[in-house]
Amino acid sequence: SIFRYLGELYQKYKTDYRDESPALTAIRTLHDAVTKYEGGTVSGFRKFLVQAKSKLEQLASTSITCVTSSCDLFIRHVTLHIGNADDWKTLVAHQASRFLTRAKGMRNKTACKAVPFIRDGVTVLTLGRSRVVQEILSEAAKQNKRFHVYVVDSRTNALGAEMAETLHNNNLKVTLIPDAAVAYFMARVDVVITGAEAVVENGGIINTIGTYQAAITAHAMKKPFYVASESFKFIRLYPLSQTDLPTRQGDTSVVLESGLCRQNPAYDLTPPDLITLLFTDIGILTPAAVSDALMNLYV
């Protein structure tokens, strides 16, 4: 079936493009799926897109939120004008290719906005494994800027260790630090920069667990807290607290032999008042500007 093909295609692209965000992998998959769609009606096509999105969310494991946002934007982009088009399949294929091309360039555009904020001689703190943050720091190093990066271990998923190894292999000066030592090291830090699993309507972010506490610490010690994210991670979601976050397969609750319960949440919510600026492919935004930017993405 088409949905089995969709699953196989998503897994193939995950393997072929290991350095891509799951959101971009989902866009690639949808692009190929819609160009091969053989149904005959617009209503059937819209139903297919909703089902395809649901399938990709199931496959995305712990990256559900960014896959949801990227699928929503893709669907909006390719279906915006098909109701008035006679040859709607040709229009869909054109719009799908156009959106994929745009999405592939978002990381580089985002990095270009952020690099000037990494000054020579600074100490940077980051956490999780953000591909866009990795590109920002690597590009800053190519410009002969000298800086030191503290990478928070992110012990529950080992993403911090991955990030540290990658930056180290790119000849950056890197120190891996424990999750519990963020406040200890923050006094030595000049700037905090992190990626995002998703940027929500009020300008807050959902990201790797520990982001919230790093933002609180940065705010208390008057350190700028920057977020770098492609606009396909902007999502129409308005969580008010940690309990409003979508459920993740990465969120585990384990009962130990002693009977003690251990919980390992995968993500947390960082509110907009703790964020200084967001670097995106559509511009440098304050958290207050995210709502308007999100609205513009859907028109």
Protein backbone atom coordinates (compact mmCIF):
# COMPACT_ATOMS: atom_id res chain seq x y z
CA SER A 1 0.00 0.00 0.00
CA ILE A 2 0.97 3.65 -0.33
CA PHE A 3 1.40 3.98 3.45
CA ARG A 4 3.71 1.00 3.63
CA TYR A 5 5.72 2.65 0.83
CA LEU A 6 5.66 5.88 2.84
CA GLY A 7 7.15 4.12 5.86
CA GLU A 8 9.87 2.45 3.83
CA LEU A 9 10.70 5.75 2.15
CA TYR A 10 10.96 7.61 5.47
CA GLN A 11 13.31 4.98 6.90
CA LYS A 12 15.41 5.07 3.71
CA TYR A 13 15.76 8.85 3.88
CA LYS A 14 16.66 8.66 7.58
CA THR A 15 19.55 6.42 6.59
CA ASP A 16 20.56 8.32 3.45
CA TYR A 17 20.40 11.76 5.09
CA ARG A 18 21.59 11.09 8.63
CA ASP A 19 22.57 14.71 9.18
CA GLU A 20 19.08 16.03 8.44
CA SER A 21 16.39 16.98 10.89
CA PRO A 22 13.52 14.46 11.12
CA ALA A 23 11.31 17.37 10.03
CA LEU A 24 13.17 17.71 6.73
CA THR A 25 13.16 13.92 6.27
CA ALA A 26 9.36 14.03 6.64
CA ILE A 27 9.15 16.79 4.01
CA ARG A 28 11.28 14.74 1.60
CA THR A 29 9.02 11.74 2.15
CA LEU A 30 5.81 13.70 1.61
CA HIS A 31 7.29 15.32 -1.51
CA ASP A 32 7.92 11.93 -3.11
CA ALA A 33 4.57 10.58 -1.98
CA VAL A 34 2.47 13.42 -3.42
CA THR A 35 4.28 13.39 -6.75
CA LYS A 36 3.35 9.69 -7.07
CA TYR A 37 -0.23 10.09 -5.86
CA GLU A 38 -2.64 8.38 -8.27
CA GLY A 39 -6.03 9.33 -6.84
CA GLY A 40 -8.43 11.39 -8.89
CA THR A 41 -10.11 13.86 -6.56
CA VAL A 42 -8.95 16.82 -4.51
CA SER A 43 -10.93 15.66 -1.47
CA GLY A 44 -9.30 12.23 -1.70
CA PHE A 45 -5.89 13.88 -1.95
CA ARG A 46 -6.50 15.99 1.15
CA LYS A 47 -7.57 12.89 3.06
CA PHE A 48 -4.43 11.11 1.88
CA LEU A 49 -2.24 13.96 3.19
CA VAL A 50 -3.85 13.78 6.64
CA GLN A 51 -3.29 10.01 6.78
CA ALA A 52 0.29 10.38 5.53
CA LYS A 53 1.02 12.93 8.24
CA SER A 54 -0.35 10.57 10.89
CA LYS A 55 1.84 7.75 9.57
CA LEU A 56 4.97 9.93 9.68
CA GLU A 57 4.18 11.03 13.24
CA GLN A 58 4.07 7.35 14.25
CA LEU A 59 7.45 6.74 12.58
CA ALA A 60 9.07 9.83 14.07
CA SER A 61 9.43 8.34 17.56
CA THR A 62 10.67 11.12 19.86
CA SER A 63 10.59 13.83 17.16
CA ILE A 64 6.82 13.98 16.77
CA THR A 65 6.44 17.73 17.28
CA CYS A 66 8.84 18.92 14.59
CA VAL A 67 7.47 16.33 12.16
CA THR A 68 3.95 17.58 12.87
CA SER A 69 4.93 21.20 12.23
CA SER A 70 6.81 20.43 9.01
CA CYS A 71 3.97 18.26 7.68
CA ASP A 72 1.40 20.95 8.51
CA LEU A 73 3.39 23.58 6.62
CA PHE A 74 4.01 21.29 3.68
CA ILE A 75 0.30 20.41 3.42
CA ARG A 76 -0.70 24.06 3.65
CA HIS A 77 1.82 25.02 0.97
CA VAL A 78 0.84 22.35 -1.57
CA THR A 79 -2.94 22.66 -1.10
CA LEU A 80 -3.28 26.44 -0.88
CA HIS A 81 -4.52 26.97 -4.46
CA ILE A 82 -5.56 23.53 -5.71
CA GLY A 83 -9.28 24.21 -5.24
CA ASN A 84 -9.19 26.64 -8.18
CA ALA A 85 -6.90 24.67 -10.47
CA ASP A 86 -8.04 22.37 -13.29
CA ASP A 87 -4.69 20.61 -13.54
CA TRP A 88 -4.27 20.41 -9.78
CA LYS A 89 -1.84 17.49 -9.78
CA THR A 90 0.70 19.49 -11.79
CA LEU A 91 0.29 22.40 -9.37
CA VAL A 92 0.75 20.09 -6.37
CA ALA A 93 3.95 18.60 -7.81
CA HIS A 94 5.32 22.09 -8.51
CA GLN A 95 4.44 23.40 -5.05
CA ALA A 96 5.86 20.31 -3.35
CA SER A 97 9.20 20.66 -5.16
CA ARG A 98 9.30 24.37 -4.40
CA PHE A 99 8.70 23.82 -0.69
CA LEU A 100 11.32 21.05 -0.47
CA THR A 101 13.92 23.27 -2.14
CA ARG A 102 13.12 26.07 0.29
CA ALA A 103 13.25 23.73 3.30
CA LYS A 104 16.67 22.38 2.33
CA GLY A 105 18.11 25.90 2.45
CA MET A 106 16.63 26.89 5.81
CA ARG A 107 19.48 25.64 8.00
CA ASN A 108 22.11 27.64 6.14
CA LYS A 109 19.97 30.80 6.18
CA THR A 110 19.41 30.40 9.91
CA ALA A 111 23.13 29.93 10.56
CA CYS A 112 23.98 33.07 8.58
CA LYS A 113 21.69 35.10 10.85
CA ALA A 114 23.28 33.74 14.03
CA VAL A 115 27.02 33.67 13.28
CA PRO A 116 27.55 37.42 13.94
CA PHE A 117 26.35 36.86 17.52
CA ILE A 118 29.22 34.43 18.18
CA ARG A 119 31.98 36.93 18.86
CA ASP A 120 35.69 36.25 19.01
CA GLY A 121 36.80 35.15 22.48
CA VAL A 122 33.39 34.17 23.89
CA THR A 123 32.41 31.08 25.82
CA VAL A 124 29.27 29.37 24.53
CA LEU A 125 27.01 26.87 26.27
CA THR A 126 24.73 24.56 24.30
CA LEU A 127 22.81 21.37 24.99
CA GLY A 128 21.31 18.52 23.02
CA ARG A 129 22.36 17.87 19.44
CA SER A 130 21.10 20.66 17.22
CA ARG A 131 22.28 20.44 13.62
CA VAL A 132 21.66 24.14 13.07
CA VAL A 133 23.67 25.10 16.18
CA GLN A 134 26.42 22.79 14.98
CA GLU A 135 26.49 24.65 11.66
CA ILE A 136 26.50 28.04 13.40
CA LEU A 137 29.49 27.14 15.55
CA SER A 138 31.36 25.48 12.70
CA GLU A 139 30.80 28.49 10.44
CA ALA A 140 31.94 30.88 13.18
CA ALA A 141 35.14 28.83 13.55
CA LYS A 142 35.72 29.01 9.78
CA GLN A 143 35.66 32.80 10.14
CA ASN A 144 38.66 32.45 12.47
CA LYS A 145 36.68 33.26 15.58
CA ARG A 146 38.17 31.69 18.68
CA PHE A 147 35.70 30.50 21.28
CA HIS A 148 35.13 27.74 23.81
CA VAL A 149 31.99 25.59 23.82
CA TYR A 150 30.51 23.91 26.90
CA VAL A 151 28.19 21.11 25.79
CA VAL A 152 25.74 19.77 28.37
CA ASP A 153 25.87 15.98 28.47
CA SER A 154 22.09 15.40 28.07
CA ARG A 155 22.59 12.07 29.78
CA THR A 156 19.09 10.66 29.18
CA ASN A 157 19.63 10.48 25.41
CA ALA A 158 23.40 11.01 24.96
CA LEU A 159 22.77 13.74 22.38
CA GLY A 160 25.12 16.13 24.15
CA ALA A 161 27.99 13.66 23.94
CA GLU A 162 27.26 13.24 20.21
CA MET A 163 27.30 17.00 19.72
CA ALA A 164 30.55 17.39 21.66
CA GLU A 165 32.27 14.68 19.61
CA THR A 166 31.12 16.25 16.34
CA LEU A 167 32.33 19.73 17.31
CA HIS A 168 35.62 18.29 18.61
CA ASN A 169 36.14 16.50 15.31
CA ASN A 170 35.64 19.85 13.59
CA ASN A 171 38.58 21.20 15.63
CA LEU A 172 36.53 23.35 18.00
CA LYS A 173 37.54 23.78 21.63
CA VAL A 174 34.89 21.76 23.48
CA THR A 175 34.23 20.67 27.06
CA LEU A 176 31.50 18.17 27.90
CA ILE A 177 29.82 18.98 31.23
CA PRO A 178 27.26 17.09 33.38
CA ASP A 179 23.60 18.09 33.27
CA ALA A 180 23.66 18.97 36.97
CA ALA A 181 26.59 21.38 36.50
CA VAL A 182 24.88 23.97 34.27
CA ALA A 183 24.58 26.53 37.09
CA TYR A 184 28.16 25.82 38.19
CA PHE A 185 29.57 26.66 34.75
CA MET A 186 27.14 29.45 33.80
CA ALA A 187 29.30 32.16 35.42
CA ARG A 188 32.00 31.38 32.85
CA VAL A 189 29.58 31.52 29.93
CA ASP A 190 28.95 34.56 27.71
CA VAL A 191 26.09 33.22 25.62
CA VAL A 192 23.75 30.23 25.57
CA ILE A 193 22.52 28.97 22.21
CA THR A 194 20.29 25.99 21.61
CA GLY A 195 18.18 24.46 18.89
CA ALA A 196 14.49 23.61 19.17
CA GLU A 197 12.33 20.58 18.65
CA ALA A 198 9.53 23.06 18.01
CA VAL A 199 8.78 26.77 18.36
CA VAL A 200 5.29 27.27 19.78
CA GLU A 201 2.80 30.08 19.19
CA ASN A 202 3.77 32.31 22.11
CA GLY A 203 7.49 32.25 21.21
CA GLY A 204 8.48 29.55 23.66
CA ILE A 205 10.24 26.36 22.59
CA ILE A 206 9.99 22.62 23.12
CA ASN A 207 13.47 21.13 23.25
CA THR A 208 15.72 18.49 24.81
CA ILE A 209 15.14 18.01 28.53
CA GLY A 210 17.28 20.42 30.52
CA THR A 211 16.74 23.39 28.21
CA TYR A 212 14.28 24.96 30.62
CA GLN A 213 16.64 24.80 33.59
CA ALA A 214 19.50 26.17 31.46
CA ALA A 215 17.27 29.07 30.42
CA ILE A 216 16.29 29.78 34.04
CA THR A 217 19.95 29.79 35.07
CA ALA A 218 20.97 32.03 32.15
CA HIS A 219 18.16 34.46 32.97
CA ALA A 220 19.12 34.59 36.66
CA MET A 221 22.75 35.30 35.74
CA LYS A 222 21.82 37.79 32.98
CA LYS A 223 23.27 35.75 30.12
CA PRO A 224 21.64 35.97 26.67
CA PHE A 225 19.69 32.83 25.75
CA TYR A 226 19.42 32.36 22.00
CA VAL A 227 17.44 29.80 20.01
CA ALA A 228 18.23 28.73 16.45
CA SER A 229 15.48 27.03 14.47
CA GLU A 230 14.27 26.57 10.92
CA SER A 231 10.78 27.96 10.32
CA PHE A 232 9.40 24.51 9.48
CA LYS A 233 9.58 23.86 13.23
CA PHE A 234 7.08 26.64 13.99
CA ILE A 235 3.95 24.87 15.22
CA ARG A 236 0.39 25.92 15.97
CA LEU A 237 0.54 24.76 19.56
CA TYR A 238 0.07 26.77 22.76
CA PRO A 239 1.22 24.70 25.76
CA LEU A 240 0.84 26.53 29.05
CA SER A 241 2.91 24.17 31.19
CA GLN A 242 5.11 21.10 31.03
CA THR A 243 2.05 18.85 31.38
CA ASP A 244 0.61 20.23 28.12
CA LEU A 245 3.42 18.83 25.98
CA PRO A 246 2.53 16.05 23.51
CA THR A 247 3.40 12.56 24.77
CA ARG A 248 6.72 11.20 23.54
CA GLN A 249 7.94 7.65 23.14
CA GLY A 250 11.16 8.95 24.65
CA ASP A 251 9.36 9.79 27.90
CA THR A 252 9.85 6.73 30.06
CA SER A 253 8.73 5.79 33.52
CA VAL A 254 10.51 2.80 35.02
CA VAL A 255 9.76 0.97 38.26
CA LEU A 256 13.02 -0.28 39.77
CA GLU A 257 13.38 -3.60 41.61
CA SER A 258 13.14 -1.73 44.90
CA GLY A 259 9.73 -0.38 43.87
CA LEU A 260 11.07 3.12 43.33
CA CYS A 261 9.70 4.87 40.23
CA ARG A 262 12.16 6.66 37.92
CA GLN A 263 10.96 9.08 35.23
CA ASN A 264 12.98 10.23 32.20
CA PRO A 265 11.16 12.96 30.27
CA ALA A 266 12.64 13.58 26.80
CA TYR A 267 11.64 17.23 26.32
CA ASP A 268 10.64 20.31 28.26
CA LEU A 269 8.98 23.64 27.55
CA THR A 270 10.95 26.88 27.82
CA PRO A 271 8.63 29.93 28.09
CA PRO A 272 9.21 33.01 25.91
CA ASP A 273 10.18 35.34 28.76
CA LEU A 274 13.44 33.38 29.19
CA ILE A 275 14.43 33.65 25.51
CA THR A 276 16.43 36.62 24.25
CA LEU A 277 16.18 36.10 20.47
CA LEU A 278 15.32 33.42 17.95
CA PHE A 279 17.50 33.01 14.85
CA THR A 280 15.47 31.65 11.93
CA ASP A 281 15.60 31.53 8.15
CA ILE A 282 12.84 34.17 8.03
CA GLY A 283 14.73 36.61 10.25
CA ILE A 284 15.94 37.33 13.77
CA LEU A 285 12.83 37.37 15.95
CA THR A 286 11.90 38.32 19.46
CA PRO A 287 9.62 35.77 21.11
CA ALA A 288 6.74 38.26 20.82
CA ALA A 289 7.15 38.30 17.03
CA VAL A 290 6.74 34.53 16.62
CA SER A 291 2.93 34.60 16.59
CA ASP A 292 2.81 36.96 13.60
CA ALA A 293 5.59 35.05 11.83
CA LEU A 294 3.70 31.79 12.32
CA MET A 295 0.52 33.33 10.93
CA ASN A 296 2.42 34.55 7.85
CA LEU A 297 3.76 31.05 7.20
CA TYR A 298 0.19 29.79 6.70
CA VAL A 299 -1.03 32.50 4.28
